[in-house]
Amino acid sequence: MILNYWANKYVFLRRMRVPEQLSSLMPTFFANLIPYYALIWSLDLMLFYRTLFNELFGVSSPVKAAPALGILIFTIIIILLPIRSFINRCHEGDRAYAKETYD
């Protein structure tokens, strides 16, 4: 039992590492997709506002779609600025640490 304890302790502390699917690769990938989801959502919201106000009220004023237009402009700015690349560089050290073993 004591030999089993020390063997497991050695394996867990020195030989095991974080599996690739539990490292920061997947969260980083999906965090990089969030601005594109927001872009698609804002385009859909603009289409919805335009259709809603045209059919119900007969008004085609761009002021009614101002929130969707603001969100669209904001997401385009977020996509064009390199904000995600700065955040990804902060996490590069985490990926290197996850691949490290104690030999």
N, C-alpha and C. Protein backbone atom coordinates (compact mmCIF):
# COMPACT_ATOMS: atom_id res chain seq x y z
N MET A 1 0.83 -1.18 0.00
CA MET A 1 0.00 0.00 0.00
C MET A 1 0.88 1.25 0.00
N ILE A 2 1.94 1.25 0.75
CA ILE A 2 2.85 2.40 0.79
C ILE A 2 3.55 2.55 -0.56
N LEU A 3 3.97 1.43 -1.14
CA LEU A 3 4.61 1.48 -2.45
C LEU A 3 3.65 2.01 -3.52
N ASN A 4 2.39 1.62 -3.44
CA ASN A 4 1.37 2.12 -4.36
C ASN A 4 1.19 3.63 -4.20
N TYR A 5 1.16 4.11 -2.98
CA TYR A 5 1.01 5.54 -2.71
C TYR A 5 2.15 6.32 -3.35
N TRP A 6 3.39 5.91 -3.14
CA TRP A 6 4.55 6.63 -3.67
C TRP A 6 4.63 6.51 -5.19
N ALA A 7 4.25 5.38 -5.74
CA ALA A 7 4.25 5.24 -7.20
C ALA A 7 3.21 6.17 -7.83
N ASN A 8 2.02 6.23 -7.26
CA ASN A 8 0.99 7.13 -7.77
C ASN A 8 1.39 8.59 -7.61
N LYS A 9 1.98 8.91 -6.50
CA LYS A 9 2.42 10.28 -6.25
C LYS A 9 3.47 10.68 -7.28
N TYR A 10 4.41 9.82 -7.58
CA TYR A 10 5.44 10.11 -8.56
C TYR A 10 4.82 10.30 -9.95
N VAL A 11 3.91 9.42 -10.32
CA VAL A 11 3.30 9.50 -11.65
C VAL A 11 2.47 10.77 -11.78
N PHE A 12 1.66 11.09 -10.79
CA PHE A 12 0.80 12.27 -10.86
C PHE A 12 1.59 13.57 -10.84
N LEU A 13 2.64 13.62 -10.06
CA LEU A 13 3.38 14.87 -9.94
C LEU A 13 4.47 15.05 -10.98
N ARG A 14 5.03 13.98 -11.48
CA ARG A 14 6.18 14.10 -12.37
C ARG A 14 5.90 13.72 -13.82
N ARG A 15 4.99 12.82 -14.09
CA ARG A 15 4.80 12.31 -15.44
C ARG A 15 3.51 12.79 -16.11
N MET A 16 2.51 13.11 -15.35
CA MET A 16 1.23 13.51 -15.93
C MET A 16 1.27 14.98 -16.33
N ARG A 17 0.47 15.32 -17.33
CA ARG A 17 0.31 16.71 -17.73
C ARG A 17 -1.14 16.95 -18.10
N VAL A 18 -1.49 18.19 -18.31
CA VAL A 18 -2.86 18.55 -18.64
C VAL A 18 -3.18 18.08 -20.05
N PRO A 19 -4.29 17.36 -20.25
CA PRO A 19 -4.66 16.93 -21.60
C PRO A 19 -4.90 18.14 -22.50
N GLU A 20 -4.68 17.96 -23.77
CA GLU A 20 -4.78 19.07 -24.72
C GLU A 20 -6.18 19.68 -24.73
N GLN A 21 -7.21 18.85 -24.60
CA GLN A 21 -8.57 19.39 -24.64
C GLN A 21 -8.92 20.18 -23.37
N LEU A 22 -8.14 20.03 -22.31
CA LEU A 22 -8.40 20.80 -21.10
C LEU A 22 -7.45 21.97 -20.96
N SER A 23 -6.56 22.18 -21.90
CA SER A 23 -5.65 23.31 -21.85
C SER A 23 -6.39 24.55 -22.33
N SER A 24 -5.67 25.60 -22.60
CA SER A 24 -6.31 26.86 -22.98
C SER A 24 -6.60 26.94 -24.47
N LEU A 25 -6.40 25.86 -25.22
CA LEU A 25 -6.62 25.90 -26.66
C LEU A 25 -8.10 26.09 -27.01
N MET A 26 -8.98 25.28 -26.44
CA MET A 26 -10.41 25.40 -26.77
C MET A 26 -11.03 26.71 -26.29
N PRO A 27 -10.78 27.15 -25.04
CA PRO A 27 -11.35 28.43 -24.65
C PRO A 27 -10.86 29.60 -25.49
N THR A 28 -9.60 29.56 -25.88
CA THR A 28 -9.06 30.63 -26.73
C THR A 28 -9.72 30.61 -28.10
N PHE A 29 -9.92 29.42 -28.66
CA PHE A 29 -10.56 29.31 -29.96
C PHE A 29 -11.98 29.89 -29.93
N PHE A 30 -12.76 29.52 -28.93
CA PHE A 30 -14.13 30.01 -28.87
C PHE A 30 -14.21 31.47 -28.46
N ALA A 31 -13.25 31.95 -27.69
CA ALA A 31 -13.21 33.38 -27.37
C ALA A 31 -12.89 34.20 -28.61
N ASN A 32 -12.11 33.64 -29.51
CA ASN A 32 -11.81 34.34 -30.76
C ASN A 32 -13.03 34.39 -31.69
N LEU A 33 -13.98 33.49 -31.52
CA LEU A 33 -15.18 33.48 -32.37
C LEU A 33 -16.27 34.44 -31.87
N ILE A 34 -16.19 34.90 -30.65
CA ILE A 34 -17.26 35.73 -30.08
C ILE A 34 -17.52 37.00 -30.90
N PRO A 35 -16.50 37.75 -31.36
CA PRO A 35 -16.82 38.93 -32.18
C PRO A 35 -17.57 38.59 -33.47
N TYR A 36 -17.27 37.44 -34.06
CA TYR A 36 -17.97 37.06 -35.29
C TYR A 36 -19.42 36.67 -35.00
N TYR A 37 -19.65 36.04 -33.86
CA TYR A 37 -21.04 35.76 -33.45
C TYR A 37 -21.79 37.07 -33.22
N ALA A 38 -21.14 38.04 -32.61
CA ALA A 38 -21.79 39.34 -32.38
C ALA A 38 -22.07 40.05 -33.69
N LEU A 39 -21.17 39.91 -34.66
CA LEU A 39 -21.40 40.52 -35.97
C LEU A 39 -22.62 39.91 -36.65
N ILE A 40 -22.72 38.60 -36.65
CA ILE A 40 -23.87 37.93 -37.26
C ILE A 40 -25.15 38.30 -36.52
N TRP A 41 -25.08 38.37 -35.20
CA TRP A 41 -26.26 38.73 -34.41
C TRP A 41 -26.70 40.16 -34.70
N SER A 42 -25.76 41.10 -34.81
CA SER A 42 -26.13 42.48 -35.08
C SER A 42 -26.70 42.66 -36.48
N LEU A 43 -26.17 41.92 -37.45
CA LEU A 43 -26.77 41.97 -38.79
C LEU A 43 -28.20 41.44 -38.77
N ASP A 44 -28.42 40.37 -38.04
CA ASP A 44 -29.76 39.81 -37.91
C ASP A 44 -30.69 40.78 -37.18
N LEU A 45 -30.17 41.45 -36.17
CA LEU A 45 -30.97 42.41 -35.42
C LEU A 45 -31.36 43.59 -36.29
N MET A 46 -30.44 44.06 -37.13
CA MET A 46 -30.78 45.15 -38.04
C MET A 46 -31.86 44.73 -39.02
N LEU A 47 -31.74 43.51 -39.56
CA LEU A 47 -32.76 43.01 -40.47
C LEU A 47 -34.11 42.88 -39.76
N PHE A 48 -34.10 42.43 -38.53
CA PHE A 48 -35.32 42.28 -37.75
C PHE A 48 -35.97 43.65 -37.50
N TYR A 49 -35.18 44.64 -37.07
CA TYR A 49 -35.74 45.98 -36.82
C TYR A 49 -36.31 46.58 -38.10
N ARG A 50 -35.56 46.44 -39.19
CA ARG A 50 -36.03 47.01 -40.45
C ARG A 50 -37.35 46.37 -40.88
N THR A 51 -37.41 45.05 -40.80
CA THR A 51 -38.63 44.34 -41.20
C THR A 51 -39.79 44.66 -40.27
N LEU A 52 -39.52 44.70 -38.97
CA LEU A 52 -40.57 44.97 -37.98
C LEU A 52 -41.18 46.35 -38.17
N PHE A 53 -40.34 47.37 -38.29
CA PHE A 53 -40.88 48.72 -38.40
C PHE A 53 -41.48 48.99 -39.77
N ASN A 54 -41.01 48.31 -40.81
CA ASN A 54 -41.65 48.48 -42.13
C ASN A 54 -43.02 47.83 -42.16
N GLU A 55 -43.16 46.64 -41.60
CA GLU A 55 -44.43 45.92 -41.69
C GLU A 55 -45.47 46.46 -40.71
N LEU A 56 -45.07 46.77 -39.48
CA LEU A 56 -46.05 47.20 -38.49
C LEU A 56 -46.40 48.67 -38.59
N PHE A 57 -45.40 49.51 -38.77
CA PHE A 57 -45.64 50.95 -38.69
C PHE A 57 -45.48 51.67 -40.03
N GLY A 58 -44.97 50.98 -41.02
CA GLY A 58 -44.76 51.63 -42.31
C GLY A 58 -43.65 52.66 -42.27
N VAL A 59 -42.79 52.56 -41.27
CA VAL A 59 -41.69 53.53 -41.09
C VAL A 59 -40.39 52.84 -41.47
N SER A 60 -39.60 53.52 -42.30
CA SER A 60 -38.30 52.95 -42.67
C SER A 60 -37.18 53.87 -42.18
N SER A 61 -37.37 54.42 -41.01
CA SER A 61 -36.39 55.36 -40.46
C SER A 61 -35.16 54.62 -39.95
N PRO A 62 -33.95 55.09 -40.29
CA PRO A 62 -32.74 54.44 -39.76
C PRO A 62 -32.54 54.68 -38.27
N VAL A 63 -33.27 55.64 -37.70
CA VAL A 63 -33.15 55.92 -36.27
C VAL A 63 -33.68 54.75 -35.45
N LYS A 64 -34.67 54.05 -35.96
CA LYS A 64 -35.24 52.92 -35.24
C LYS A 64 -34.25 51.77 -35.13
N ALA A 65 -33.34 51.66 -36.08
CA ALA A 65 -32.34 50.60 -36.06
C ALA A 65 -31.02 51.07 -35.47
N ALA A 66 -31.03 52.17 -34.76
CA ALA A 66 -29.79 52.74 -34.20
C ALA A 66 -29.09 51.80 -33.22
N PRO A 67 -29.80 51.11 -32.30
CA PRO A 67 -29.07 50.19 -31.41
C PRO A 67 -28.36 49.07 -32.18
N ALA A 68 -29.03 48.52 -33.17
CA ALA A 68 -28.40 47.47 -33.96
C ALA A 68 -27.23 48.01 -34.77
N LEU A 69 -27.37 49.22 -35.29
CA LEU A 69 -26.28 49.83 -36.03
C LEU A 69 -25.09 50.11 -35.13
N GLY A 70 -25.35 50.55 -33.91
CA GLY A 70 -24.27 50.76 -32.94
C GLY A 70 -23.54 49.48 -32.61
N ILE A 71 -24.29 48.42 -32.42
CA ILE A 71 -23.67 47.12 -32.13
C ILE A 71 -22.86 46.65 -33.33
N LEU A 72 -23.38 46.87 -34.53
CA LEU A 72 -22.66 46.47 -35.74
C LEU A 72 -21.33 47.22 -35.86
N ILE A 73 -21.35 48.51 -35.64
CA ILE A 73 -20.12 49.30 -35.72
C ILE A 73 -19.14 48.86 -34.64
N PHE A 74 -19.64 48.62 -33.44
CA PHE A 74 -18.77 48.18 -32.35
C PHE A 74 -18.11 46.83 -32.66
N THR A 75 -18.87 45.88 -33.20
CA THR A 75 -18.29 44.57 -33.50
C THR A 75 -17.29 44.65 -34.64
N ILE A 76 -17.52 45.51 -35.62
CA ILE A 76 -16.55 45.68 -36.70
C ILE A 76 -15.25 46.25 -36.14
N ILE A 77 -15.36 47.20 -35.22
CA ILE A 77 -14.15 47.76 -34.59
C ILE A 77 -13.42 46.69 -33.80
N ILE A 78 -14.14 45.88 -33.05
CA ILE A 78 -13.51 44.82 -32.26
C ILE A 78 -12.81 43.80 -33.16
N ILE A 79 -13.43 43.48 -34.29
CA ILE A 79 -12.82 42.51 -35.21
C ILE A 79 -11.57 43.09 -35.85
N LEU A 80 -11.60 44.37 -36.21
CA LEU A 80 -10.46 44.98 -36.89
C LEU A 80 -9.29 45.30 -35.97
N LEU A 81 -9.58 45.63 -34.71
CA LEU A 81 -8.49 45.91 -33.78
C LEU A 81 -7.88 44.62 -33.26
N PRO A 82 -6.60 44.60 -32.98
CA PRO A 82 -5.93 43.34 -32.56
C PRO A 82 -6.07 43.05 -31.06
N ILE A 83 -7.25 43.24 -30.51
CA ILE A 83 -7.44 43.02 -29.07
C ILE A 83 -7.28 41.55 -28.72
N ARG A 84 -7.86 40.66 -29.53
CA ARG A 84 -7.77 39.23 -29.22
C ARG A 84 -6.34 38.72 -29.32
N SER A 85 -5.56 39.28 -30.22
CA SER A 85 -4.17 38.81 -30.32
C SER A 85 -3.38 39.19 -29.08
N PHE A 86 -3.68 40.34 -28.48
CA PHE A 86 -3.01 40.71 -27.22
C PHE A 86 -3.40 39.75 -26.10
N ILE A 87 -4.66 39.40 -26.04
CA ILE A 87 -5.13 38.48 -25.00
C ILE A 87 -4.53 37.09 -25.23
N ASN A 88 -4.44 36.66 -26.50
CA ASN A 88 -3.85 35.36 -26.80
C ASN A 88 -2.38 35.30 -26.42
N ARG A 89 -1.66 36.39 -26.58
CA ARG A 89 -0.25 36.41 -26.18
C ARG A 89 -0.09 36.27 -24.68
N CYS A 90 -1.06 36.74 -23.94
CA CYS A 90 -1.02 36.57 -22.48
C CYS A 90 -1.18 35.10 -22.09
N HIS A 91 -1.92 34.34 -22.91
CA HIS A 91 -2.18 32.93 -22.60
C HIS A 91 -1.15 31.98 -23.19
N GLU A 92 -0.20 32.48 -23.97
CA GLU A 92 0.81 31.60 -24.55
C GLU A 92 1.64 30.92 -23.48
N GLY A 93 1.90 31.62 -22.40
CA GLY A 93 2.64 31.02 -21.30
C GLY A 93 1.90 29.87 -20.65
N ASP A 94 0.58 29.96 -20.61
CA ASP A 94 -0.23 28.88 -20.04
C ASP A 94 -0.12 27.61 -20.88
N ARG A 95 -0.11 27.76 -22.21
CA ARG A 95 0.01 26.59 -23.07
C ARG A 95 1.38 25.92 -22.92
N ALA A 96 2.41 26.72 -22.79
CA ALA A 96 3.75 26.15 -22.61
C ALA A 96 3.84 25.45 -21.26
N TYR A 97 3.20 26.00 -20.25
CA TYR A 97 3.21 25.40 -18.92
C TYR A 97 2.45 24.07 -18.91
N ALA A 98 1.36 23.99 -19.71
CA ALA A 98 0.56 22.75 -19.74
C ALA A 98 1.32 21.62 -20.42
N LYS A 99 2.23 21.92 -21.32
CA LYS A 99 2.99 20.87 -22.01
C LYS A 99 4.24 20.47 -21.24
N GLU A 100 4.52 21.14 -20.19
CA GLU A 100 5.74 20.88 -19.43
C GLU A 100 5.57 19.66 -18.54
N THR A 101 6.59 18.82 -18.49
CA THR A 101 6.60 17.71 -17.56
C THR A 101 7.84 17.82 -16.69
N TYR A 102 7.84 17.13 -15.60
CA TYR A 102 8.94 17.21 -14.65
C TYR A 102 9.82 15.98 -14.78
N ASP A 103 10.69 15.97 -15.73
CA ASP A 103 11.60 14.83 -15.90
C ASP A 103 12.91 15.07 -15.17
